[in-house]
Protein backbone atom coordinates (compact mmCIF):
# COMPACT_ATOMS: atom_id res chain seq x y z
CA UNK A 1 -19.50 -21.53 16.49
CA UNK A 2 -17.53 -22.21 13.32
CA UNK A 3 -18.17 -18.70 12.01
CA UNK A 4 -17.15 -17.22 15.36
CA UNK A 5 -13.82 -19.11 15.24
CA UNK A 6 -13.23 -17.99 11.65
CA UNK A 7 -13.91 -14.36 12.63
CA UNK A 8 -11.61 -14.61 15.64
CA UNK A 9 -8.84 -16.04 13.44
CA UNK A 10 -9.32 -13.25 10.88
CA UNK A 11 -9.14 -10.67 13.66
CA UNK A 12 -5.99 -12.29 15.08
CA UNK A 13 -4.36 -12.22 11.65
CA UNK A 14 -5.40 -8.59 11.15
CA UNK A 15 -3.83 -7.63 14.48
CA UNK A 16 -0.62 -9.47 13.50
CA UNK A 17 -0.53 -7.62 10.17
CA UNK A 18 -1.06 -4.26 11.88
CA UNK A 19 1.72 -5.01 14.38
CA UNK A 20 4.08 -6.01 11.56
CA UNK A 21 3.21 -2.92 9.52
CA UNK A 22 3.82 -0.63 12.50
CA UNK A 23 7.21 -2.26 13.07
CA UNK A 24 8.16 -1.85 9.40
CA UNK A 25 7.11 1.81 9.50
CA UNK A 26 9.23 2.32 12.63
CA UNK A 27 12.23 0.70 10.90
CA UNK A 28 11.80 2.92 7.84
CA UNK A 29 11.42 6.13 9.84
CA UNK A 30 14.62 5.27 11.73
CA UNK A 31 16.64 4.57 8.59
CA UNK A 32 16.72 0.81 9.02
CA UNK A 33 14.99 -0.14 5.80
CA UNK A 34 16.93 -0.94 2.64
CA UNK A 35 15.07 0.83 -0.16
CA UNK A 36 16.26 4.37 0.66
CA UNK A 37 19.83 3.17 1.15
CA UNK A 38 19.75 1.37 -2.20
CA UNK A 39 18.32 4.47 -3.85
CA UNK A 40 21.17 6.54 -2.39
CA UNK A 41 23.73 4.00 -3.58
CA UNK A 42 22.19 3.98 -7.06
CA UNK A 43 22.21 7.78 -7.30
CA UNK A 44 25.82 8.00 -6.11
CA UNK A 45 26.95 5.25 -8.50
CA UNK A 46 25.18 6.96 -11.41
CA UNK A 47 26.74 10.33 -10.54
CA UNK A 48 30.19 8.73 -10.40
CA UNK A 49 29.67 6.79 -13.63
CA UNK A 50 29.96 3.47 -11.81
CA UNK A 51 27.86 0.57 -13.07
CA UNK A 52 26.82 -1.78 -10.28
CA UNK A 53 25.52 -5.22 -11.38
CA UNK A 54 22.86 -5.16 -8.66
CA UNK A 55 20.88 -2.44 -10.43
CA UNK A 56 20.77 -4.27 -13.76
CA UNK A 57 19.71 -7.57 -12.21
CA UNK A 58 16.16 -8.58 -13.19
CA UNK A 59 15.25 -9.53 -9.61
CA UNK A 60 16.16 -6.01 -8.44
CA UNK A 61 14.03 -4.53 -11.22
CA UNK A 62 11.10 -6.78 -10.27
CA UNK A 63 11.39 -5.85 -6.59
CA UNK A 64 11.31 -2.15 -7.49
CA UNK A 65 8.20 -2.35 -9.68
CA UNK A 66 5.15 -1.24 -7.73
CA UNK A 67 1.89 -1.78 -9.59
CA UNK A 68 -0.03 -0.22 -6.72
CA UNK A 69 1.28 3.16 -5.63
CA UNK A 70 -0.42 4.61 -2.55
CA UNK A 71 0.04 7.68 -0.42
CA UNK A 72 -1.72 9.21 2.55
CA UNK A 73 -2.72 12.77 1.64
CA UNK A 74 -2.82 15.29 4.49
CA UNK A 75 -5.85 17.51 4.74
CA UNK A 76 -9.47 16.96 3.82
CA UNK A 77 -9.53 17.16 0.01
CA UNK A 78 -7.53 15.90 -2.94
CA UNK A 79 -5.86 18.96 -4.43
CA UNK A 80 -2.94 17.57 -6.40
CA UNK A 81 -2.10 14.97 -8.94
CA UNK A 82 -1.10 11.46 -8.06
CA UNK A 83 -0.98 8.62 -10.51
CA UNK A 84 0.10 5.14 -11.31
CA UNK A 85 3.80 4.48 -11.83
CA UNK A 86 3.31 1.99 -14.69
CA UNK A 87 0.70 1.79 -17.48
CA UNK A 88 -0.66 -1.48 -16.06
CA UNK A 89 -0.72 -0.20 -12.49
CA UNK A 90 -2.86 1.88 -10.18
CA UNK A 91 -2.32 5.07 -8.20
CA UNK A 92 -4.34 5.52 -5.03
CA UNK A 93 -3.98 8.51 -2.77
CA UNK A 94 -6.19 8.32 0.31
CA UNK A 95 -7.32 10.54 3.16
CA UNK A 96 -7.97 9.20 6.67
CA UNK A 97 -10.57 11.03 8.74
CA UNK A 98 -12.22 10.25 12.04
CA UNK A 99 -15.55 9.47 10.40
CA UNK A 100 -14.58 8.24 6.92
CA UNK A 101 -11.92 7.18 4.45
CA UNK A 102 -11.56 8.86 1.06
CA UNK A 103 -9.84 7.24 -1.90
CA UNK A 104 -9.00 8.38 -5.40
CA UNK A 105 -8.19 5.48 -7.72
CA UNK A 106 -6.24 6.24 -10.89
CA UNK A 107 -5.50 3.92 -13.82
CA UNK A 108 -5.00 4.34 -17.53
CA UNK A 109 -8.01 3.87 -19.75
CA UNK A 110 -5.66 2.76 -22.52
CA UNK A 111 -4.59 -0.28 -20.47
CA UNK A 112 -6.94 -3.24 -20.93
CA UNK A 113 -5.54 -4.91 -17.79
CA UNK A 114 -6.76 -2.25 -15.39
CA UNK A 115 -10.13 -0.85 -14.41
CA UNK A 116 -10.55 1.84 -11.77
CA UNK A 117 -14.26 0.96 -11.50
CA UNK A 118 -13.53 -2.71 -10.74
CA UNK A 119 -10.75 -1.73 -8.35
CA UNK A 120 -13.11 0.61 -6.48
CA UNK A 121 -15.82 -2.03 -6.34
CA UNK A 122 -13.41 -4.60 -4.91
CA UNK A 123 -11.99 -2.08 -2.44
CA UNK A 124 -15.51 -1.21 -1.30
CA UNK A 125 -16.37 -4.88 -0.71
CA UNK A 126 -13.12 -5.44 1.22
CA UNK A 127 -13.80 -2.41 3.43
CA UNK A 128 -17.35 -3.62 4.11
CA UNK A 129 -15.98 -7.04 5.12
CA UNK A 130 -13.38 -5.40 7.35
CA UNK A 131 -16.01 -3.16 8.94
CA UNK A 132 -18.28 -6.13 9.63
CA UNK A 133 -15.38 -8.03 11.18
CA UNK A 134 -14.40 -5.15 13.46
CA UNK A 135 -17.94 -4.25 14.48
CA UNK A 136 -18.48 -7.86 15.55
CA UNK A 137 -16.01 -7.65 18.43
CA UNK A 138 -15.95 -5.51 21.56
CA UNK A 139 -13.41 -2.68 21.49
CA UNK A 140 -11.62 -4.28 24.46
CA UNK A 141 -10.54 -7.18 22.21
CA UNK A 142 -9.03 -4.81 19.66
């Protein structure tokens, strides 16, 4: 019974996260997210030679530093380059198919803080856990 309640709570939280993600995607697609607007403001200010304190603030820099850079790749094979944005980060293009997911994990060998092999191993375990969680419940509950 305890394990069943834990699984149900995990599934509830997953559904909440999916709902939130879908809403954020909708906001972005409809121009209601801030990152593109800030990028536009930064480009315009740079072109005009205007220095805005916001863009030199360390909290802005931290919020713009993505150590995991992902992108959905259309098609069925990886044909182009895609990498990490920072030496201590990861790049991960992925392909979604009806019967499988494909990932390509990129990191720099020269960085001692990263390991594509460990990342892939952890990702694999997470996907197995997610699969087990989802297979445990009837489709009507999803």
